[in-house]
Amino acid sequence: MADLEPSVTPNLQRPKTGFTAYAERLNGRAAMVGFILVIAIEYFTGHGVLSWLGLA
C-alpha cells in the first residue's frame, strides 16, 4: 500500500488578513489609539465627541 502522507511539509506564510492573531492585535491597538484621541478631544475642547461631530 502506498504511503499517503507527504514526505515534505510546505513552508507557507500565514495570511495577514482575516481573523488572525496579527489582525486582532492590530485592531486592538487601533482601538486604544482611538480611545486616547477621544479622551484628548474631550479634554482640550471641553465638549463631548458627539457635540464635536455635530450630532448632539
PDB file of N, CA and C in Angstrom:
ATOM      1  N   MET A   1       0.841  -1.168   0.000  1.00  0.00           N
ATOM      2  CA  MET A   1       0.000   0.000   0.000  1.00  0.00           C
ATOM      3  C   MET A   1       0.888   1.232   0.000  1.00  0.00           C
ATOM      4  N   ALA A   2       0.532   2.217  -0.781  1.00  0.00           N
ATOM      5  CA  ALA A   2       1.322   3.440  -0.899  1.00  0.00           C
ATOM      6  C   ALA A   2       1.129   4.315   0.332  1.00  0.00           C
ATOM      7  N   ASP A   3       2.197   5.009   0.704  1.00  0.00           N
ATOM      8  CA  ASP A   3       2.149   5.939   1.829  1.00  0.00           C
ATOM      9  C   ASP A   3       1.428   7.204   1.380  1.00  0.00           C
ATOM     10  N   LEU A   4       0.328   7.557   2.030  1.00  0.00           N
ATOM     11  CA  LEU A   4      -0.477   8.687   1.617  1.00  0.00           C
ATOM     12  C   LEU A   4      -0.038  10.009   2.239  1.00  0.00           C
ATOM     13  N   GLU A   5       0.860   9.983   3.199  1.00  0.00           N
ATOM     14  CA  GLU A   5       1.351  11.203   3.830  1.00  0.00           C
ATOM     15  C   GLU A   5       2.460  11.815   2.982  1.00  0.00           C
ATOM     16  N   PRO A   6       2.476  13.138   2.807  1.00  0.00           N
ATOM     17  CA  PRO A   6       3.557  13.771   2.043  1.00  0.00           C
ATOM     18  C   PRO A   6       4.874  13.666   2.801  1.00  0.00           C
ATOM     19  N   SER A   7       5.957  13.587   2.058  1.00  0.00           N
ATOM     20  CA  SER A   7       7.265  13.455   2.699  1.00  0.00           C
ATOM     21  C   SER A   7       7.845  14.817   3.089  1.00  0.00           C
ATOM     22  N   VAL A   8       7.326  15.900   2.490  1.00  0.00           N
ATOM     23  CA  VAL A   8       7.817  17.245   2.789  1.00  0.00           C
ATOM     24  C   VAL A   8       6.626  18.128   3.153  1.00  0.00           C
ATOM     25  N   THR A   9       6.769  18.897   4.225  1.00  0.00           N
ATOM     26  CA  THR A   9       5.727  19.834   4.624  1.00  0.00           C
ATOM     27  C   THR A   9       6.020  21.183   3.978  1.00  0.00           C
ATOM     28  N   PRO A  10       5.069  21.758   3.246  1.00  0.00           N
ATOM     29  CA  PRO A  10       5.337  23.048   2.605  1.00  0.00           C
ATOM     30  C   PRO A  10       5.484  24.155   3.647  1.00  0.00           C
ATOM     31  N   ASN A  11       6.375  25.086   3.372  1.00  0.00           N
ATOM     32  CA  ASN A  11       6.615  26.210   4.258  1.00  0.00           C
ATOM     33  C   ASN A  11       5.850  27.420   3.693  1.00  0.00           C
ATOM     34  N   LEU A  12       4.579  27.548   4.080  1.00  0.00           N
ATOM     35  CA  LEU A  12       3.721  28.619   3.579  1.00  0.00           C
ATOM     36  C   LEU A  12       3.646  29.744   4.603  1.00  0.00           C
ATOM     37  N   GLN A  13       3.610  30.985   4.103  1.00  0.00           N
ATOM     38  CA  GLN A  13       3.443  32.110   5.005  1.00  0.00           C
ATOM     39  C   GLN A  13       1.991  32.188   5.440  1.00  0.00           C
ATOM     40  N   ARG A  14       1.791  32.563   6.695  1.00  0.00           N
ATOM     41  CA  ARG A  14       0.441  32.699   7.212  1.00  0.00           C
ATOM     42  C   ARG A  14      -0.179  33.976   6.654  1.00  0.00           C
ATOM     43  N   PRO A  15      -1.468  33.966   6.390  1.00  0.00           N
ATOM     44  CA  PRO A  15      -2.109  35.175   5.840  1.00  0.00           C
ATOM     45  C   PRO A  15      -2.144  36.291   6.873  1.00  0.00           C
ATOM     46  N   LYS A  16      -2.070  37.535   6.402  1.00  0.00           N
ATOM     47  CA  LYS A  16      -2.126  38.700   7.282  1.00  0.00           C
ATOM     48  C   LYS A  16      -3.527  39.306   7.335  1.00  0.00           C
ATOM     49  N   THR A  17      -4.513  38.678   6.699  1.00  0.00           N
ATOM     50  CA  THR A  17      -5.878  39.191   6.704  1.00  0.00           C
ATOM     51  C   THR A  17      -6.811  38.156   7.310  1.00  0.00           C
ATOM     52  N   GLY A  18      -8.005  38.595   7.636  1.00  0.00           N
ATOM     53  CA  GLY A  18      -8.982  37.690   8.229  1.00  0.00           C
ATOM     54  C   GLY A  18      -8.854  37.669   9.739  1.00  0.00           C
ATOM     55  N   PHE A  19      -9.442  36.679  10.378  1.00  0.00           N
ATOM     56  CA  PHE A  19      -9.413  36.550  11.825  1.00  0.00           C
ATOM     57  C   PHE A  19      -8.133  35.846  12.259  1.00  0.00           C
ATOM     58  N   THR A  20      -7.031  36.580  12.227  1.00  0.00           N
ATOM     59  CA  THR A  20      -5.758  36.040  12.664  1.00  0.00           C
ATOM     60  C   THR A  20      -5.306  36.778  13.909  1.00  0.00           C
ATOM     61  N   ALA A  21      -4.328  36.240  14.586  1.00  0.00           N
ATOM     62  CA  ALA A  21      -3.809  36.894  15.785  1.00  0.00           C
ATOM     63  C   ALA A  21      -3.224  38.256  15.442  1.00  0.00           C
ATOM     64  N   TYR A  22      -2.573  38.358  14.286  1.00  0.00           N
ATOM     65  CA  TYR A  22      -2.000  39.637  13.853  1.00  0.00           C
ATOM     66  C   TYR A  22      -3.085  40.684  13.658  1.00  0.00           C
ATOM     67  N   ALA A  23      -4.172  40.324  12.989  1.00  0.00           N
ATOM     68  CA  ALA A  23      -5.258  41.265  12.720  1.00  0.00           C
ATOM     69  C   ALA A  23      -5.933  41.697  14.018  1.00  0.00           C
ATOM     70  N   GLU A  24      -6.134  40.778  14.936  1.00  0.00           N
ATOM     71  CA  GLU A  24      -6.776  41.118  16.200  1.00  0.00           C
ATOM     72  C   GLU A  24      -5.882  42.037  17.038  1.00  0.00           C
ATOM     73  N   ARG A  25      -4.583  41.792  17.031  1.00  0.00           N
ATOM     74  CA  ARG A  25      -3.643  42.649  17.754  1.00  0.00           C
ATOM     75  C   ARG A  25      -3.634  44.056  17.155  1.00  0.00           C
ATOM     76  N   LEU A  26      -3.614  44.143  15.834  1.00  0.00           N
ATOM     77  CA  LEU A  26      -3.616  45.438  15.162  1.00  0.00           C
ATOM     78  C   LEU A  26      -4.922  46.185  15.434  1.00  0.00           C
ATOM     79  N   ASN A  27      -6.042  45.499  15.406  1.00  0.00           N
ATOM     80  CA  ASN A  27      -7.338  46.106  15.693  1.00  0.00           C
ATOM     81  C   ASN A  27      -7.397  46.617  17.130  1.00  0.00           C
ATOM     82  N   GLY A  28      -6.872  45.862  18.065  1.00  0.00           N
ATOM     83  CA  GLY A  28      -6.850  46.288  19.463  1.00  0.00           C
ATOM     84  C   GLY A  28      -6.005  47.530  19.661  1.00  0.00           C
ATOM     85  N   ARG A  29      -4.868  47.583  19.000  1.00  0.00           N
ATOM     86  CA  ARG A  29      -4.007  48.760  19.120  1.00  0.00           C
ATOM     87  C   ARG A  29      -4.650  49.990  18.498  1.00  0.00           C
ATOM     88  N   ALA A  30      -5.324  49.820  17.373  1.00  0.00           N
ATOM     89  CA  ALA A  30      -6.020  50.945  16.744  1.00  0.00           C
ATOM     90  C   ALA A  30      -7.152  51.444  17.649  1.00  0.00           C
ATOM     91  N   ALA A  31      -7.845  50.540  18.320  1.00  0.00           N
ATOM     92  CA  ALA A  31      -8.912  50.930  19.235  1.00  0.00           C
ATOM     93  C   ALA A  31      -8.356  51.709  20.422  1.00  0.00           C
ATOM     94  N   MET A  32      -7.208  51.294  20.940  1.00  0.00           N
ATOM     95  CA  MET A  32      -6.600  52.012  22.058  1.00  0.00           C
ATOM     96  C   MET A  32      -6.182  53.421  21.656  1.00  0.00           C
ATOM     97  N   VAL A  33      -5.612  53.570  20.470  1.00  0.00           N
ATOM     98  CA  VAL A  33      -5.224  54.897  19.979  1.00  0.00           C
ATOM     99  C   VAL A  33      -6.465  55.762  19.796  1.00  0.00           C
ATOM    100  N   GLY A  34      -7.515  55.209  19.225  1.00  0.00           N
ATOM    101  CA  GLY A  34      -8.752  55.951  19.036  1.00  0.00           C
ATOM    102  C   GLY A  34      -9.365  56.391  20.354  1.00  0.00           C
ATOM    103  N   PHE A  35      -9.331  55.537  21.350  1.00  0.00           N
ATOM    104  CA  PHE A  35      -9.886  55.885  22.660  1.00  0.00           C
ATOM    105  C   PHE A  35      -9.102  57.032  23.288  1.00  0.00           C
ATOM    106  N   ILE A  36      -7.788  56.996  23.195  1.00  0.00           N
ATOM    107  CA  ILE A  36      -6.956  58.079  23.730  1.00  0.00           C
ATOM    108  C   ILE A  36      -7.247  59.381  22.983  1.00  0.00           C
ATOM    109  N   LEU A  37      -7.440  59.314  21.669  1.00  0.00           N
ATOM    110  CA  LEU A  37      -7.767  60.521  20.906  1.00  0.00           C
ATOM    111  C   LEU A  37      -9.115  61.098  21.313  1.00  0.00           C
ATOM    112  N   VAL A  38     -10.094  60.255  21.579  1.00  0.00           N
ATOM    113  CA  VAL A  38     -11.400  60.731  22.020  1.00  0.00           C
ATOM    114  C   VAL A  38     -11.268  61.437  23.370  1.00  0.00           C
ATOM    115  N   ILE A  39     -10.517  60.868  24.283  1.00  0.00           N
ATOM    116  CA  ILE A  39     -10.301  61.493  25.587  1.00  0.00           C
ATOM    117  C   ILE A  39      -9.586  62.829  25.411  1.00  0.00           C
ATOM    118  N   ALA A  40      -8.587  62.899  24.533  1.00  0.00           N
ATOM    119  CA  ALA A  40      -7.851  64.141  24.293  1.00  0.00           C
ATOM    120  C   ALA A  40      -8.757  65.207  23.683  1.00  0.00           C
ATOM    121  N   ILE A  41      -9.616  64.840  22.753  1.00  0.00           N
ATOM    122  CA  ILE A  41     -10.549  65.794  22.142  1.00  0.00           C
ATOM    123  C   ILE A  41     -11.477  66.378  23.205  1.00  0.00           C
ATOM    124  N   GLU A  42     -12.006  65.513  24.057  1.00  0.00           N
ATOM    125  CA  GLU A  42     -12.902  65.997  25.103  1.00  0.00           C
ATOM    126  C   GLU A  42     -12.168  66.895  26.089  1.00  0.00           C
ATOM    127  N   TYR A  43     -10.941  66.569  26.415  1.00  0.00           N
ATOM    128  CA  TYR A  43     -10.173  67.362  27.379  1.00  0.00           C
ATOM    129  C   TYR A  43      -9.823  68.739  26.820  1.00  0.00           C
ATOM    130  N   PHE A  44      -9.329  68.793  25.603  1.00  0.00           N
ATOM    131  CA  PHE A  44      -8.863  70.057  25.044  1.00  0.00           C
ATOM    132  C   PHE A  44      -9.984  70.962  24.533  1.00  0.00           C
ATOM    133  N   THR A  45     -11.090  70.396  24.078  1.00  0.00           N
ATOM    134  CA  THR A  45     -12.172  71.238  23.565  1.00  0.00           C
ATOM    135  C   THR A  45     -13.222  71.553  24.621  1.00  0.00           C
ATOM    136  N   GLY A  46     -13.314  70.736  25.647  1.00  0.00           N
ATOM    137  CA  GLY A  46     -14.332  70.940  26.668  1.00  0.00           C
ATOM    138  C   GLY A  46     -15.704  70.454  26.240  1.00  0.00           C
ATOM    139  N   HIS A  47     -15.807  69.804  25.105  1.00  0.00           N
ATOM    140  CA  HIS A  47     -17.073  69.260  24.603  1.00  0.00           C
ATOM    141  C   HIS A  47     -16.902  67.763  24.368  1.00  0.00           C
ATOM    142  N   GLY A  48     -18.024  67.075  24.402  1.00  0.00           N
ATOM    143  CA  GLY A  48     -18.004  65.658  24.091  1.00  0.00           C
ATOM    144  C   GLY A  48     -17.819  65.410  22.613  1.00  0.00           C
ATOM    145  N   VAL A  49     -17.508  64.201  22.258  1.00  0.00           N
ATOM    146  CA  VAL A  49     -17.256  63.858  20.868  1.00  0.00           C
ATOM    147  C   VAL A  49     -18.511  64.016  20.015  1.00  0.00           C
ATOM    148  N   LEU A  50     -19.677  63.673  20.560  1.00  0.00           N
ATOM    149  CA  LEU A  50     -20.910  63.809  19.787  1.00  0.00           C
ATOM    150  C   LEU A  50     -21.188  65.264  19.440  1.00  0.00           C
ATOM    151  N   SER A  51     -20.969  66.172  20.389  1.00  0.00           N
ATOM    152  CA  SER A  51     -21.175  67.594  20.074  1.00  0.00           C
ATOM    153  C   SER A  51     -20.073  68.094  19.144  1.00  0.00           C
ATOM    154  N   TRP A  52     -18.890  67.575  19.268  1.00  0.00           N
ATOM    155  CA  TRP A  52     -17.785  67.959  18.390  1.00  0.00           C
ATOM    156  C   TRP A  52     -18.077  67.544  16.946  1.00  0.00           C
ATOM    157  N   LEU A  53     -18.743  66.414  16.790  1.00  0.00           N
ATOM    158  CA  LEU A  53     -19.117  65.935  15.460  1.00  0.00           C
ATOM    159  C   LEU A  53     -20.415  66.565  14.964  1.00  0.00           C
ATOM    160  N   GLY A  54     -21.106  67.340  15.828  1.00  0.00           N
ATOM    161  CA  GLY A  54     -22.349  67.982  15.444  1.00  0.00           C
ATOM    162  C   GLY A  54     -23.556  67.087  15.552  1.00  0.00           C
ATOM    163  N   LEU A  55     -23.476  66.033  16.336  1.00  0.00           N
ATOM    164  CA  LEU A  55     -24.590  65.093  16.453  1.00  0.00           C
ATOM    165  C   LEU A  55     -25.436  65.330  17.707  1.00  0.00           C
ATOM    166  N   ALA A  56     -24.971  66.189  18.601  1.00  0.00           N
ATOM    167  CA  ALA A  56     -25.742  66.430  19.828  1.00  0.00           C
ATOM    168  C   ALA A  56     -25.783  67.896  20.162  1.00  0.00           C
TER     169      ALA A  56
END
